[in-house]
C-alpha atoms as a PDB file:
ATOM      1  CA  UNK A   1      12.939  -9.203  -1.137  1.00  0.00           C
ATOM      2  CA  UNK A   2      11.485  -8.433   2.277  1.00  0.00           C
ATOM      3  CA  UNK A   3       8.499  -6.091   2.532  1.00  0.00           C
ATOM      4  CA  UNK A   4       7.502  -4.418   5.783  1.00  0.00           C
ATOM      5  CA  UNK A   5       3.775  -3.710   5.876  1.00  0.00           C
ATOM      6  CA  UNK A   6       1.160  -2.414   8.290  1.00  0.00           C
ATOM      7  CA  UNK A   7      -2.103  -4.357   8.029  1.00  0.00           C
ATOM      8  CA  UNK A   8      -5.391  -3.568   9.740  1.00  0.00           C
ATOM      9  CA  UNK A   9      -5.899  -6.281  12.394  1.00  0.00           C
ATOM     10  CA  UNK A  10      -9.236  -5.085  13.773  1.00  0.00           C
ATOM     11  CA  UNK A  11     -11.556  -2.105  13.572  1.00  0.00           C
ATOM     12  CA  UNK A  12     -10.547   0.545  16.130  1.00  0.00           C
ATOM     13  CA  UNK A  13     -12.991   1.932  18.641  1.00  0.00           C
ATOM     14  CA  UNK A  14     -12.067   5.553  19.226  1.00  0.00           C
ATOM     15  CA  UNK A  15      -8.394   6.330  18.706  1.00  0.00           C
ATOM     16  CA  UNK A  16      -6.442   3.501  17.030  1.00  0.00           C
ATOM     17  CA  UNK A  17      -4.170   1.506  19.320  1.00  0.00           C
ATOM     18  CA  UNK A  18      -1.144  -0.669  18.596  1.00  0.00           C
ATOM     19  CA  UNK A  19      -3.315  -3.782  18.945  1.00  0.00           C
ATOM     20  CA  UNK A  20      -5.425  -2.637  15.955  1.00  0.00           C
ATOM     21  CA  UNK A  21      -2.465  -3.279  13.648  1.00  0.00           C
ATOM     22  CA  UNK A  22      -0.403  -6.186  12.394  1.00  0.00           C
ATOM     23  CA  UNK A  23       3.164  -5.025  11.772  1.00  0.00           C
ATOM     24  CA  UNK A  24       4.503  -7.721   9.485  1.00  0.00           C
ATOM     25  CA  UNK A  25       7.451  -8.680   7.376  1.00  0.00           C
ATOM     26  CA  UNK A  26       6.722 -10.741   4.281  1.00  0.00           C
ATOM     27  CA  UNK A  27       8.558 -11.896   1.189  1.00  0.00           C
ATOM     28  CA  UNK A  28       7.548 -10.343  -2.104  1.00  0.00           C
ATOM     29  CA  UNK A  29       6.670 -12.658  -4.946  1.00  0.00           C
ATOM     30  CA  UNK A  30       8.120 -12.540  -8.440  1.00  0.00           C
ATOM     31  CA  UNK A  31       6.945  -9.958 -10.928  1.00  0.00           C
ATOM     32  CA  UNK A  32       4.526 -11.119 -13.591  1.00  0.00           C
ATOM     33  CA  UNK A  33       4.505  -9.755 -17.128  1.00  0.00           C
ATOM     34  CA  UNK A  34       3.375  -6.110 -17.112  1.00  0.00           C
ATOM     35  CA  UNK A  35       4.155  -5.547 -13.427  1.00  0.00           C
ATOM     36  CA  UNK A  36       6.529  -3.151 -11.677  1.00  0.00           C
ATOM     37  CA  UNK A  37       8.208  -3.185  -8.286  1.00  0.00           C
ATOM     38  CA  UNK A  38       7.880   0.205  -6.585  1.00  0.00           C
ATOM     39  CA  UNK A  39      10.005   1.187  -3.599  1.00  0.00           C
ATOM     40  CA  UNK A  40       7.933   3.474  -1.403  1.00  0.00           C
ATOM     41  CA  UNK A  41       9.715   6.726  -0.589  1.00  0.00           C
ATOM     42  CA  UNK A  42       6.925   8.709   1.113  1.00  0.00           C
ATOM     43  CA  UNK A  43       3.469   7.894   2.452  1.00  0.00           C
ATOM     44  CA  UNK A  44       0.724  10.344   3.246  1.00  0.00           C
ATOM     45  CA  UNK A  45      -0.875  10.296   6.697  1.00  0.00           C
ATOM     46  CA  UNK A  46      -4.312  11.865   6.337  1.00  0.00           C
ATOM     47  CA  UNK A  47      -7.307  12.331   8.679  1.00  0.00           C
ATOM     48  CA  UNK A  48      -9.403  10.404   6.133  1.00  0.00           C
ATOM     49  CA  UNK A  49      -7.459   7.247   7.003  1.00  0.00           C
ATOM     50  CA  UNK A  50      -9.358   6.982  10.297  1.00  0.00           C
ATOM     51  CA  UNK A  51     -12.661   6.845   8.420  1.00  0.00           C
ATOM     52  CA  UNK A  52     -11.305   4.158   6.072  1.00  0.00           C
ATOM     53  CA  UNK A  53     -10.788   1.905   9.112  1.00  0.00           C
ATOM     54  CA  UNK A  54     -14.536   1.876   9.853  1.00  0.00           C
ATOM     55  CA  UNK A  55     -16.769  -0.820   8.376  1.00  0.00           C
ATOM     56  CA  UNK A  56     -19.184   1.708   6.863  1.00  0.00           C
ATOM     57  CA  UNK A  57     -18.795   2.814   3.274  1.00  0.00           C
ATOM     58  CA  UNK A  58     -18.401   6.445   2.363  1.00  0.00           C
ATOM     59  CA  UNK A  59     -16.782   7.838  -0.779  1.00  0.00           C
ATOM     60  CA  UNK A  60     -14.354   4.893  -0.791  1.00  0.00           C
ATOM     61  CA  UNK A  61     -14.679   1.310   0.428  1.00  0.00           C
ATOM     62  CA  UNK A  62     -13.266   0.584   3.893  1.00  0.00           C
ATOM     63  CA  UNK A  63      -9.892  -1.054   4.375  1.00  0.00           C
ATOM     64  CA  UNK A  64     -10.532  -4.752   4.947  1.00  0.00           C
ATOM     65  CA  UNK A  65      -9.285  -6.626   7.979  1.00  0.00           C
ATOM     66  CA  UNK A  66      -5.908  -8.091   7.037  1.00  0.00           C
ATOM     67  CA  UNK A  67      -5.348  -5.613   4.211  1.00  0.00           C
ATOM     68  CA  UNK A  68      -2.409  -3.219   4.015  1.00  0.00           C
ATOM     69  CA  UNK A  69      -3.522   0.149   5.367  1.00  0.00           C
ATOM     70  CA  UNK A  70      -4.408   2.391   2.440  1.00  0.00           C
ATOM     71  CA  UNK A  71      -2.291   5.517   1.996  1.00  0.00           C
ATOM     72  CA  UNK A  72      -1.270   7.821  -0.779  1.00  0.00           C
ATOM     73  CA  UNK A  73       2.383   7.415  -1.643  1.00  0.00           C
ATOM     74  CA  UNK A  74       5.311   8.433  -3.775  1.00  0.00           C
ATOM     75  CA  UNK A  75       7.598   5.672  -4.931  1.00  0.00           C
ATOM     76  CA  UNK A  76      10.362   4.817  -7.361  1.00  0.00           C
ATOM     77  CA  UNK A  77      10.046   2.039  -9.928  1.00  0.00           C
ATOM     78  CA  UNK A  78      13.038  -0.209  -9.210  1.00  0.00           C
ATOM     79  CA  UNK A  79      12.199  -3.205 -11.431  1.00  0.00           C
ATOM     80  CA  UNK A  80       9.859  -4.048 -14.290  1.00  0.00           C
ATOM     81  CA  UNK A  81       8.877  -7.135 -16.265  1.00  0.00           C
ATOM     82  CA  UNK A  82       7.703  -6.846 -19.845  1.00  0.00           C
ATOM     83  CA  UNK A  83       5.870  -3.786 -21.118  1.00  0.00           C
ATOM     84  CA  UNK A  84       4.856  -1.626 -18.135  1.00  0.00           C
ATOM     85  CA  UNK A  85       3.070   1.656 -17.514  1.00  0.00           C
ATOM     86  CA  UNK A  86       6.290   3.289 -16.250  1.00  0.00           C
ATOM     87  CA  UNK A  87       9.998   2.738 -16.812  1.00  0.00           C
ATOM     88  CA  UNK A  88      12.585   1.790 -14.205  1.00  0.00           C
ATOM     89  CA  UNK A  89      13.820   4.859 -12.372  1.00  0.00           C
ATOM     90  CA  UNK A  90      10.525   6.748 -12.685  1.00  0.00           C
ATOM     91  CA  UNK A  91       9.045   8.372  -9.591  1.00  0.00           C
ATOM     92  CA  UNK A  92       5.304   7.794  -9.421  1.00  0.00           C
ATOM     93  CA  UNK A  93       2.400   8.904  -7.218  1.00  0.00           C
ATOM     94  CA  UNK A  94      -0.475   6.632  -6.252  1.00  0.00           C
ATOM     95  CA  UNK A  95      -2.072   4.551  -3.523  1.00  0.00           C
ATOM     96  CA  UNK A  96       0.709   2.232  -2.411  1.00  0.00           C
ATOM     97  CA  UNK A  97      -0.350   1.792   1.204  1.00  0.00           C
ATOM     98  CA  UNK A  98       1.691   1.658   4.377  1.00  0.00           C
ATOM     99  CA  UNK A  99       4.435  -0.707   3.250  1.00  0.00           C
ATOM    100  CA  UNK A 100       8.002  -0.639   1.953  1.00  0.00           C
ATOM    101  CA  UNK A 101       7.359  -2.001  -1.547  1.00  0.00           C
ATOM    102  CA  UNK A 102       4.415  -2.470  -3.902  1.00  0.00           C
ATOM    103  CA  UNK A 103       4.038  -4.790  -6.870  1.00  0.00           C
ATOM    104  CA  UNK A 104       1.615  -3.157  -9.317  1.00  0.00           C
ATOM    105  CA  UNK A 105       0.554  -3.046 -12.931  1.00  0.00           C
ATOM    106  CA  UNK A 106       0.327   0.735 -12.613  1.00  0.00           C
ATOM    107  CA  UNK A 107      -3.469   1.151 -12.734  1.00  0.00           C
ATOM    108  CA  UNK A 108      -3.594   2.817  -9.287  1.00  0.00           C
ATOM    109  CA  UNK A 109      -0.665   5.113 -10.035  1.00  0.00           C
END
């Protein structure tokens, strides 16, 4: 399955520009036991996200270069493998980032 993700390419100076991002398409791996595939339905765009792009630490560690941009999200569990934190069909809230899908064990949800 193809996942569209927005990764931080470099630390912005001032307002973020298109060159600060890597807009990528990548194949998702297979689920491991205890994991779920979540289809992102909504992401939250918050002023705090700008601070997360800086290298300095505040109340939360900064987003690393090459990492999917952190964002709160609402998603639907569309597949599971083994015993999981949520069942298929459940809508869950967590930190899924700026991407189409997330593979998770449910700890951040």
